[in-house]
Amino acid sequence: MFRHIIHKFKGLFNKSYDYQKFVVIARSRTGSSLLISYLNSHPQIEAHGEIFRELGRKSSKQIWERLFTSKNKKLKYIGFKIFYYHPLNTDDRSVWDFLKNDKTIQIIHLKRENVLRTFISREIVEKTKVWKNKKYRNTTSIEDKRIEIDVDKFLDTLSWTKKRERETAKTFSNHSFTEISYEELIANPQIVMNDIFSRFGLKPAKISTKLRRQNAERIEDLVINYSQLKTGLTEVGYTCFLE
């Protein structure tokens, strides 16, 4: 009798609840950290970062099963973000099978229309090693940010990015699929997030973040060889990225 009571209370203590799942799919430097911080503004959402970036000694399955076991009864959604090329340094790509096979997962596909800005941001990060810019903290000077752009390297990145965007839209066409852009998120953050909350079947919530925009300067001020870049993009009809 006593053992039965102990077992019953252990079961209650260890009980986890069923939550709906979501995932943010993107590439780096598209505002995914900002989006995750906004999602976490909602009291019924738990949004994780790049938990499948590197698996370490765990498998995708182990991380997946642990992720969706919370004891917070107020939560309705648990999710994370993943980049097109995750996980790194492993042959275990089964997380993508989990995503494809579970049609109940809400997919948020985040893109940045100005891929040149994405490319510049990535190059600056590689130089400065500053991945996030938080409020109330000194920012990196523009002189430290200035870089040279290899036009051919950018065009390869543009082609690769557009291909991954098309593949993602096709792969998850049978899911609940929401596509948003970095530009929309910056211009109208509360409107964009309220739309996502509505798609999740949740009430609106006031959003906030400790992050601030990085590399908001003009492209011509960030790129040392701007004239060369402009000439190269003009030749292939991509000057729209310089606007």
C-alpha atoms as a PDB file:
ATOM      1  CA  MET A   1       0.000   0.000   0.000  1.00  0.00           C
ATOM      2  CA  PHE A   2       2.749   2.415   1.028  1.00  0.00           C
ATOM      3  CA  ARG A   3       4.755   1.610  -2.134  1.00  0.00           C
ATOM      4  CA  HIS A   4       1.670   2.240  -4.257  1.00  0.00           C
ATOM      5  CA  ILE A   5       1.232   5.718  -2.749  1.00  0.00           C
ATOM      6  CA  ILE A   6       4.919   6.563  -3.267  1.00  0.00           C
ATOM      7  CA  HIS A   7       4.717   5.411  -6.897  1.00  0.00           C
ATOM      8  CA  LYS A   8       1.589   7.500  -7.455  1.00  0.00           C
ATOM      9  CA  PHE A   9       3.200  10.682  -6.114  1.00  0.00           C
ATOM     10  CA  LYS A  10       6.386  10.047  -8.117  1.00  0.00           C
ATOM     11  CA  GLY A  11       4.240   9.787 -11.217  1.00  0.00           C
ATOM     12  CA  LEU A  12       2.608  13.130 -10.490  1.00  0.00           C
ATOM     13  CA  PHE A  13       5.954  14.768  -9.782  1.00  0.00           C
ATOM     14  CA  ASN A  14       7.534  13.482 -12.993  1.00  0.00           C
ATOM     15  CA  LYS A  15       4.505  14.149 -15.148  1.00  0.00           C
ATOM     16  CA  SER A  16       5.151  16.059 -18.333  1.00  0.00           C
ATOM     17  CA  TYR A  17       2.539  17.602 -20.556  1.00  0.00           C
ATOM     18  CA  ASP A  18       1.875  17.427 -24.259  1.00  0.00           C
ATOM     19  CA  TYR A  19       2.802  20.595 -26.097  1.00  0.00           C
ATOM     20  CA  GLN A  20       2.471  21.630 -29.673  1.00  0.00           C
ATOM     21  CA  LYS A  21       5.729  21.959 -31.561  1.00  0.00           C
ATOM     22  CA  PHE A  22       7.174  24.661 -33.783  1.00  0.00           C
ATOM     23  CA  VAL A  23      10.491  25.262 -35.491  1.00  0.00           C
ATOM     24  CA  VAL A  24      12.109  28.338 -37.024  1.00  0.00           C
ATOM     25  CA  ILE A  25      14.038  27.391 -40.169  1.00  0.00           C
ATOM     26  CA  ALA A  26      16.512  29.903 -41.555  1.00  0.00           C
ATOM     27  CA  ARG A  27      20.143  30.570 -42.323  1.00  0.00           C
ATOM     28  CA  SER A  28      22.522  32.654 -40.221  1.00  0.00           C
ATOM     29  CA  ARG A  29      22.298  36.463 -40.061  1.00  0.00           C
ATOM     30  CA  THR A  30      18.587  36.673 -40.907  1.00  0.00           C
ATOM     31  CA  GLY A  31      17.316  37.879 -37.532  1.00  0.00           C
ATOM     32  CA  SER A  32      16.608  34.454 -36.052  1.00  0.00           C
ATOM     33  CA  SER A  33      17.859  35.431 -32.573  1.00  0.00           C
ATOM     34  CA  LEU A  34      15.560  38.449 -32.635  1.00  0.00           C
ATOM     35  CA  LEU A  35      12.617  36.269 -33.655  1.00  0.00           C
ATOM     36  CA  ILE A  36      13.348  33.754 -30.881  1.00  0.00           C
ATOM     37  CA  SER A  37      13.469  36.554 -28.310  1.00  0.00           C
ATOM     38  CA  TYR A  38      10.103  37.864 -29.542  1.00  0.00           C
ATOM     39  CA  LEU A  39       8.580  34.371 -29.376  1.00  0.00           C
ATOM     40  CA  ASN A  40       9.772  34.055 -25.792  1.00  0.00           C
ATOM     41  CA  SER A  41       7.864  37.248 -24.980  1.00  0.00           C
ATOM     42  CA  HIS A  42       4.678  35.188 -25.073  1.00  0.00           C
ATOM     43  CA  PRO A  43       3.940  33.456 -21.739  1.00  0.00           C
ATOM     44  CA  GLN A  44       2.681  30.325 -23.507  1.00  0.00           C
ATOM     45  CA  ILE A  45       5.715  29.838 -25.751  1.00  0.00           C
ATOM     46  CA  GLU A  46       9.127  28.370 -24.953  1.00  0.00           C
ATOM     47  CA  ALA A  47      11.576  29.050 -27.779  1.00  0.00           C
ATOM     48  CA  HIS A  48      15.081  27.566 -27.804  1.00  0.00           C
ATOM     49  CA  GLY A  49      18.069  28.493 -29.925  1.00  0.00           C
ATOM     50  CA  GLU A  50      20.353  26.355 -32.104  1.00  0.00           C
ATOM     51  CA  ILE A  51      20.087  23.207 -30.002  1.00  0.00           C
ATOM     52  CA  PHE A  52      20.835  20.988 -33.012  1.00  0.00           C
ATOM     53  CA  ARG A  53      23.857  22.988 -34.157  1.00  0.00           C
ATOM     54  CA  GLU A  54      26.270  20.493 -32.619  1.00  0.00           C
ATOM     55  CA  LEU A  55      25.047  17.247 -31.099  1.00  0.00           C
ATOM     56  CA  GLY A  56      28.090  16.434 -29.013  1.00  0.00           C
ATOM     57  CA  ARG A  57      27.771  12.904 -27.641  1.00  0.00           C
ATOM     58  CA  LYS A  58      23.993  12.875 -27.975  1.00  0.00           C
ATOM     59  CA  SER A  59      21.886  11.807 -30.936  1.00  0.00           C
ATOM     60  CA  SER A  60      19.237  13.923 -32.611  1.00  0.00           C
ATOM     61  CA  LYS A  61      16.625  11.594 -31.132  1.00  0.00           C
ATOM     62  CA  GLN A  62      17.866  12.096 -27.568  1.00  0.00           C
ATOM     63  CA  ILE A  63      17.814  15.883 -27.894  1.00  0.00           C
ATOM     64  CA  TRP A  64      14.417  15.793 -29.604  1.00  0.00           C
ATOM     65  CA  GLU A  65      12.768  13.679 -26.917  1.00  0.00           C
ATOM     66  CA  ARG A  66      14.187  15.755 -24.076  1.00  0.00           C
ATOM     67  CA  LEU A  67      13.204  19.053 -25.687  1.00  0.00           C
ATOM     68  CA  PHE A  68       9.457  18.456 -25.598  1.00  0.00           C
ATOM     69  CA  THR A  69       9.141  17.360 -21.952  1.00  0.00           C
ATOM     70  CA  SER A  70       8.366  20.345 -19.743  1.00  0.00           C
ATOM     71  CA  LYS A  71       6.356  20.483 -16.515  1.00  0.00           C
ATOM     72  CA  ASN A  72       5.132  24.038 -17.136  1.00  0.00           C
ATOM     73  CA  LYS A  73       1.362  23.653 -17.502  1.00  0.00           C
ATOM     74  CA  LYS A  74       0.998  27.231 -18.813  1.00  0.00           C
ATOM     75  CA  LEU A  75       2.952  26.477 -21.974  1.00  0.00           C
ATOM     76  CA  LYS A  76       1.196  25.689 -25.241  1.00  0.00           C
ATOM     77  CA  TYR A  77       4.162  25.624 -27.626  1.00  0.00           C
ATOM     78  CA  ILE A  78       7.774  24.496 -27.420  1.00  0.00           C
ATOM     79  CA  GLY A  79      10.189  24.903 -30.287  1.00  0.00           C
ATOM     80  CA  PHE A  80      13.630  25.890 -31.505  1.00  0.00           C
ATOM     81  CA  LYS A  81      15.497  27.300 -34.465  1.00  0.00           C
ATOM     82  CA  ILE A  82      17.572  25.351 -36.939  1.00  0.00           C
ATOM     83  CA  PHE A  83      19.650  26.470 -39.906  1.00  0.00           C
ATOM     84  CA  TYR A  84      19.565  24.743 -43.288  1.00  0.00           C
ATOM     85  CA  TYR A  85      22.981  23.157 -42.672  1.00  0.00           C
ATOM     86  CA  HIS A  86      22.521  21.914 -39.094  1.00  0.00           C
ATOM     87  CA  PRO A  87      23.711  19.735 -37.418  1.00  0.00           C
ATOM     88  CA  LEU A  88      27.403  20.393 -37.977  1.00  0.00           C
ATOM     89  CA  ASN A  89      30.244  17.881 -37.768  1.00  0.00           C
ATOM     90  CA  THR A  90      28.042  14.781 -37.794  1.00  0.00           C
ATOM     91  CA  ASP A  91      26.306  12.377 -40.165  1.00  0.00           C
ATOM     92  CA  ASP A  92      23.221  12.311 -37.925  1.00  0.00           C
ATOM     93  CA  ARG A  93      20.649  14.277 -39.918  1.00  0.00           C
ATOM     94  CA  SER A  94      17.619  12.520 -38.445  1.00  0.00           C
ATOM     95  CA  VAL A  95      16.273  15.726 -36.912  1.00  0.00           C
ATOM     96  CA  TRP A  96      15.171  16.681 -40.424  1.00  0.00           C
ATOM     97  CA  ASP A  97      13.283  13.396 -40.721  1.00  0.00           C
ATOM     98  CA  PHE A  98      11.474  14.167 -37.459  1.00  0.00           C
ATOM     99  CA  LEU A  99      10.485  17.559 -38.839  1.00  0.00           C
ATOM    100  CA  LYS A 100       9.336  16.217 -42.204  1.00  0.00           C
ATOM    101  CA  ASN A 101       7.342  13.303 -40.794  1.00  0.00           C
ATOM    102  CA  ASP A 102       5.451  15.202 -38.091  1.00  0.00           C
ATOM    103  CA  LYS A 103       2.864  17.249 -39.992  1.00  0.00           C
ATOM    104  CA  THR A 104       1.573  18.811 -36.758  1.00  0.00           C
ATOM    105  CA  ILE A 105       4.713  20.921 -36.370  1.00  0.00           C
ATOM    106  CA  GLN A 106       4.269  24.622 -37.076  1.00  0.00           C
ATOM    107  CA  ILE A 107       6.999  25.792 -39.448  1.00  0.00           C
ATOM    108  CA  ILE A 108       8.204  29.396 -39.434  1.00  0.00           C
ATOM    109  CA  HIS A 109      10.465  30.030 -42.409  1.00  0.00           C
ATOM    110  CA  LEU A 110      12.532  33.168 -41.857  1.00  0.00           C
ATOM    111  CA  LYS A 111      14.228  34.780 -44.836  1.00  0.00           C
ATOM    112  CA  ARG A 112      16.113  37.984 -45.486  1.00  0.00           C
ATOM    113  CA  GLU A 113      15.200  39.506 -48.826  1.00  0.00           C
ATOM    114  CA  ASN A 114      18.441  41.464 -49.070  1.00  0.00           C
ATOM    115  CA  VAL A 115      20.883  38.563 -49.206  1.00  0.00           C
ATOM    116  CA  LEU A 116      23.761  41.013 -49.668  1.00  0.00           C
ATOM    117  CA  ARG A 117      23.050  42.382 -46.192  1.00  0.00           C
ATOM    118  CA  THR A 118      23.079  38.813 -44.874  1.00  0.00           C
ATOM    119  CA  PHE A 119      26.420  38.194 -46.570  1.00  0.00           C
ATOM    120  CA  ILE A 120      27.932  41.439 -45.264  1.00  0.00           C
ATOM    121  CA  SER A 121      26.706  40.689 -41.752  1.00  0.00           C
ATOM    122  CA  ARG A 122      28.290  37.238 -41.879  1.00  0.00           C
ATOM    123  CA  GLU A 123      31.606  38.623 -43.135  1.00  0.00           C
ATOM    124  CA  ILE A 124      31.638  41.246 -40.367  1.00  0.00           C
ATOM    125  CA  VAL A 125      30.943  38.571 -37.746  1.00  0.00           C
ATOM    126  CA  GLU A 126      33.824  36.497 -39.062  1.00  0.00           C
ATOM    127  CA  LYS A 127      36.033  39.544 -38.632  1.00  0.00           C
ATOM    128  CA  THR A 128      34.810  40.902 -35.279  1.00  0.00           C
ATOM    129  CA  LYS A 129      33.522  37.680 -33.630  1.00  0.00           C
ATOM    130  CA  VAL A 130      30.561  39.705 -32.283  1.00  0.00           C
ATOM    131  CA  TRP A 131      27.476  37.573 -32.938  1.00  0.00           C
ATOM    132  CA  LYS A 132      24.858  39.530 -31.017  1.00  0.00           C
ATOM    133  CA  ASN A 133      24.404  43.171 -30.130  1.00  0.00           C
ATOM    134  CA  LYS A 134      22.606  43.749 -26.826  1.00  0.00           C
ATOM    135  CA  LYS A 135      21.130  47.013 -25.602  1.00  0.00           C
ATOM    136  CA  TYR A 136      23.161  49.107 -23.154  1.00  0.00           C
ATOM    137  CA  ARG A 137      26.438  47.619 -24.385  1.00  0.00           C
ATOM    138  CA  ASN A 138      29.105  49.362 -26.426  1.00  0.00           C
ATOM    139  CA  THR A 139      28.844  48.571 -30.117  1.00  0.00           C
ATOM    140  CA  THR A 140      31.660  47.709 -32.495  1.00  0.00           C
ATOM    141  CA  SER A 141      33.021  50.761 -34.309  1.00  0.00           C
ATOM    142  CA  ILE A 142      32.416  51.093 -38.019  1.00  0.00           C
ATOM    143  CA  GLU A 143      36.161  51.113 -38.648  1.00  0.00           C
ATOM    144  CA  ASP A 144      36.427  47.677 -37.045  1.00  0.00           C
ATOM    145  CA  LYS A 145      33.531  46.445 -39.183  1.00  0.00           C
ATOM    146  CA  ARG A 146      34.721  47.584 -42.603  1.00  0.00           C
ATOM    147  CA  ILE A 147      35.350  44.683 -44.991  1.00  0.00           C
ATOM    148  CA  GLU A 148      36.110  43.885 -48.620  1.00  0.00           C
ATOM    149  CA  ILE A 149      33.560  41.911 -50.622  1.00  0.00           C
ATOM    150  CA  ASP A 150      34.425  39.192 -53.125  1.00  0.00           C
ATOM    151  CA  VAL A 151      31.624  39.557 -55.698  1.00  0.00           C
ATOM    152  CA  ASP A 152      31.914  35.972 -56.970  1.00  0.00           C
ATOM    153  CA  LYS A 153      31.770  34.642 -53.415  1.00  0.00           C
ATOM    154  CA  PHE A 154      28.625  36.671 -52.775  1.00  0.00           C
ATOM    155  CA  LEU A 155      26.972  35.409 -55.966  1.00  0.00           C
ATOM    156  CA  ASP A 156      27.703  31.815 -54.907  1.00  0.00           C
ATOM    157  CA  THR A 157      26.142  32.548 -51.513  1.00  0.00           C
ATOM    158  CA  LEU A 158      23.110  34.123 -53.178  1.00  0.00           C
ATOM    159  CA  SER A 159      22.572  31.054 -55.372  1.00  0.00           C
ATOM    160  CA  TRP A 160      23.007  28.687 -52.415  1.00  0.00           C
ATOM    161  CA  THR A 161      20.608  30.669 -50.206  1.00  0.00           C
ATOM    162  CA  LYS A 162      17.851  30.882 -52.817  1.00  0.00           C
ATOM    163  CA  LYS A 163      18.137  27.149 -53.473  1.00  0.00           C
ATOM    164  CA  ARG A 164      17.751  26.341 -49.759  1.00  0.00           C
ATOM    165  CA  GLU A 165      14.758  28.666 -49.503  1.00  0.00           C
ATOM    166  CA  ARG A 166      13.009  26.896 -52.382  1.00  0.00           C
ATOM    167  CA  GLU A 167      13.821  23.452 -50.969  1.00  0.00           C
ATOM    168  CA  THR A 168      12.428  24.408 -47.554  1.00  0.00           C
ATOM    169  CA  ALA A 169       9.158  25.696 -48.986  1.00  0.00           C
ATOM    170  CA  LYS A 170       8.758  22.507 -51.036  1.00  0.00           C
ATOM    171  CA  THR A 171       9.747  20.089 -48.258  1.00  0.00           C
ATOM    172  CA  PHE A 172       7.280  21.545 -45.762  1.00  0.00           C
ATOM    173  CA  SER A 173       4.439  22.356 -48.143  1.00  0.00           C
ATOM    174  CA  ASN A 174       2.156  19.940 -46.249  1.00  0.00           C
ATOM    175  CA  HIS A 175       2.869  21.541 -42.871  1.00  0.00           C
ATOM    176  CA  SER A 176       1.341  24.629 -41.342  1.00  0.00           C
ATOM    177  CA  PHE A 177       3.874  26.935 -42.987  1.00  0.00           C
ATOM    178  CA  THR A 178       4.438  30.616 -42.188  1.00  0.00           C
ATOM    179  CA  GLU A 179       6.995  32.579 -44.179  1.00  0.00           C
ATOM    180  CA  ILE A 180       8.237  35.914 -42.891  1.00  0.00           C
ATOM    181  CA  SER A 181      11.091  38.204 -43.821  1.00  0.00           C
ATOM    182  CA  TYR A 182      13.657  39.952 -41.697  1.00  0.00           C
ATOM    183  CA  GLU A 183      12.609  43.213 -43.313  1.00  0.00           C
ATOM    184  CA  GLU A 184       8.983  42.728 -42.195  1.00  0.00           C
ATOM    185  CA  LEU A 185      10.097  41.781 -38.695  1.00  0.00           C
ATOM    186  CA  ILE A 186      12.191  44.947 -38.352  1.00  0.00           C
ATOM    187  CA  ALA A 187       9.565  47.277 -39.843  1.00  0.00           C
ATOM    188  CA  ASN A 188       6.476  45.955 -38.008  1.00  0.00           C
ATOM    189  CA  PRO A 189       7.577  43.607 -35.211  1.00  0.00           C
ATOM    190  CA  GLN A 190       4.374  43.626 -33.153  1.00  0.00           C
ATOM    191  CA  ILE A 191       2.146  43.105 -36.193  1.00  0.00           C
ATOM    192  CA  VAL A 192       4.281  40.225 -37.468  1.00  0.00           C
ATOM    193  CA  MET A 193       4.397  38.548 -34.078  1.00  0.00           C
ATOM    194  CA  ASN A 194       0.671  38.957 -33.436  1.00  0.00           C
ATOM    195  CA  ASP A 195       0.061  37.207 -36.752  1.00  0.00           C
ATOM    196  CA  ILE A 196       2.282  34.309 -35.660  1.00  0.00           C
ATOM    197  CA  PHE A 197       0.550  34.122 -32.267  1.00  0.00           C
ATOM    198  CA  SER A 198      -2.804  34.050 -34.062  1.00  0.00           C
ATOM    199  CA  ARG A 199      -1.651  31.208 -36.322  1.00  0.00           C
ATOM    200  CA  PHE A 200      -0.675  29.349 -33.163  1.00  0.00           C
ATOM    201  CA  GLY A 201      -4.177  29.888 -31.782  1.00  0.00           C
ATOM    202  CA  LEU A 202      -2.826  32.157 -29.037  1.00  0.00           C
ATOM    203  CA  LYS A 203      -3.864  35.620 -27.864  1.00  0.00           C
ATOM    204  CA  PRO A 204      -1.662  38.621 -28.751  1.00  0.00           C
ATOM    205  CA  ALA A 205       1.152  39.472 -26.342  1.00  0.00           C
ATOM    206  CA  LYS A 206       3.375  42.513 -26.019  1.00  0.00           C
ATOM    207  CA  ILE A 207       6.837  41.700 -27.312  1.00  0.00           C
ATOM    208  CA  SER A 208      10.211  42.886 -26.086  1.00  0.00           C
ATOM    209  CA  THR A 209      13.871  42.074 -26.672  1.00  0.00           C
ATOM    210  CA  LYS A 210      17.292  42.852 -25.244  1.00  0.00           C
ATOM    211  CA  LEU A 211      18.821  42.665 -28.702  1.00  0.00           C
ATOM    212  CA  ARG A 212      19.481  45.575 -31.006  1.00  0.00           C
ATOM    213  CA  ARG A 213      20.174  45.701 -34.697  1.00  0.00           C
ATOM    214  CA  GLN A 214      23.722  45.153 -35.901  1.00  0.00           C
ATOM    215  CA  ASN A 215      25.371  46.715 -38.959  1.00  0.00           C
ATOM    216  CA  ALA A 216      22.605  49.231 -39.708  1.00  0.00           C
ATOM    217  CA  GLU A 217      25.072  51.526 -41.467  1.00  0.00           C
ATOM    218  CA  ARG A 218      24.937  52.139 -45.201  1.00  0.00           C
ATOM    219  CA  ILE A 219      26.493  49.449 -47.368  1.00  0.00           C
ATOM    220  CA  GLU A 220      28.889  51.951 -48.933  1.00  0.00           C
ATOM    221  CA  ASP A 221      30.176  52.775 -45.445  1.00  0.00           C
ATOM    222  CA  LEU A 222      30.693  49.124 -44.507  1.00  0.00           C
ATOM    223  CA  VAL A 223      32.313  47.875 -47.734  1.00  0.00           C
ATOM    224  CA  ILE A 224      35.814  49.113 -48.518  1.00  0.00           C
ATOM    225  CA  ASN A 225      35.646  48.165 -52.220  1.00  0.00           C
ATOM    226  CA  TYR A 226      32.121  49.476 -52.723  1.00  0.00           C
ATOM    227  CA  SER A 227      32.767  50.753 -56.259  1.00  0.00           C
ATOM    228  CA  GLN A 228      34.041  47.345 -57.345  1.00  0.00           C
ATOM    229  CA  LEU A 229      31.045  45.677 -55.682  1.00  0.00           C
ATOM    230  CA  LYS A 230      28.611  48.019 -57.426  1.00  0.00           C
ATOM    231  CA  THR A 231      30.207  47.393 -60.811  1.00  0.00           C
ATOM    232  CA  GLY A 232      30.122  43.630 -60.310  1.00  0.00           C
ATOM    233  CA  LEU A 233      26.451  43.605 -59.258  1.00  0.00           C
ATOM    234  CA  THR A 234      25.504  45.936 -62.112  1.00  0.00           C
ATOM    235  CA  GLU A 235      26.963  43.484 -64.626  1.00  0.00           C
ATOM    236  CA  VAL A 236      24.703  40.681 -63.362  1.00  0.00           C
ATOM    237  CA  GLY A 237      21.616  42.790 -62.698  1.00  0.00           C
ATOM    238  CA  TYR A 238      21.621  42.686 -58.880  1.00  0.00           C
ATOM    239  CA  THR A 239      21.979  46.369 -58.007  1.00  0.00           C
ATOM    240  CA  CYS A 240      18.670  46.064 -56.131  1.00  0.00           C
ATOM    241  CA  PHE A 241      20.683  44.700 -53.190  1.00  0.00           C
ATOM    242  CA  LEU A 242      22.521  48.016 -52.898  1.00  0.00           C
ATOM    243  CA  GLU A 243      19.334  49.986 -52.206  1.00  0.00           C
END
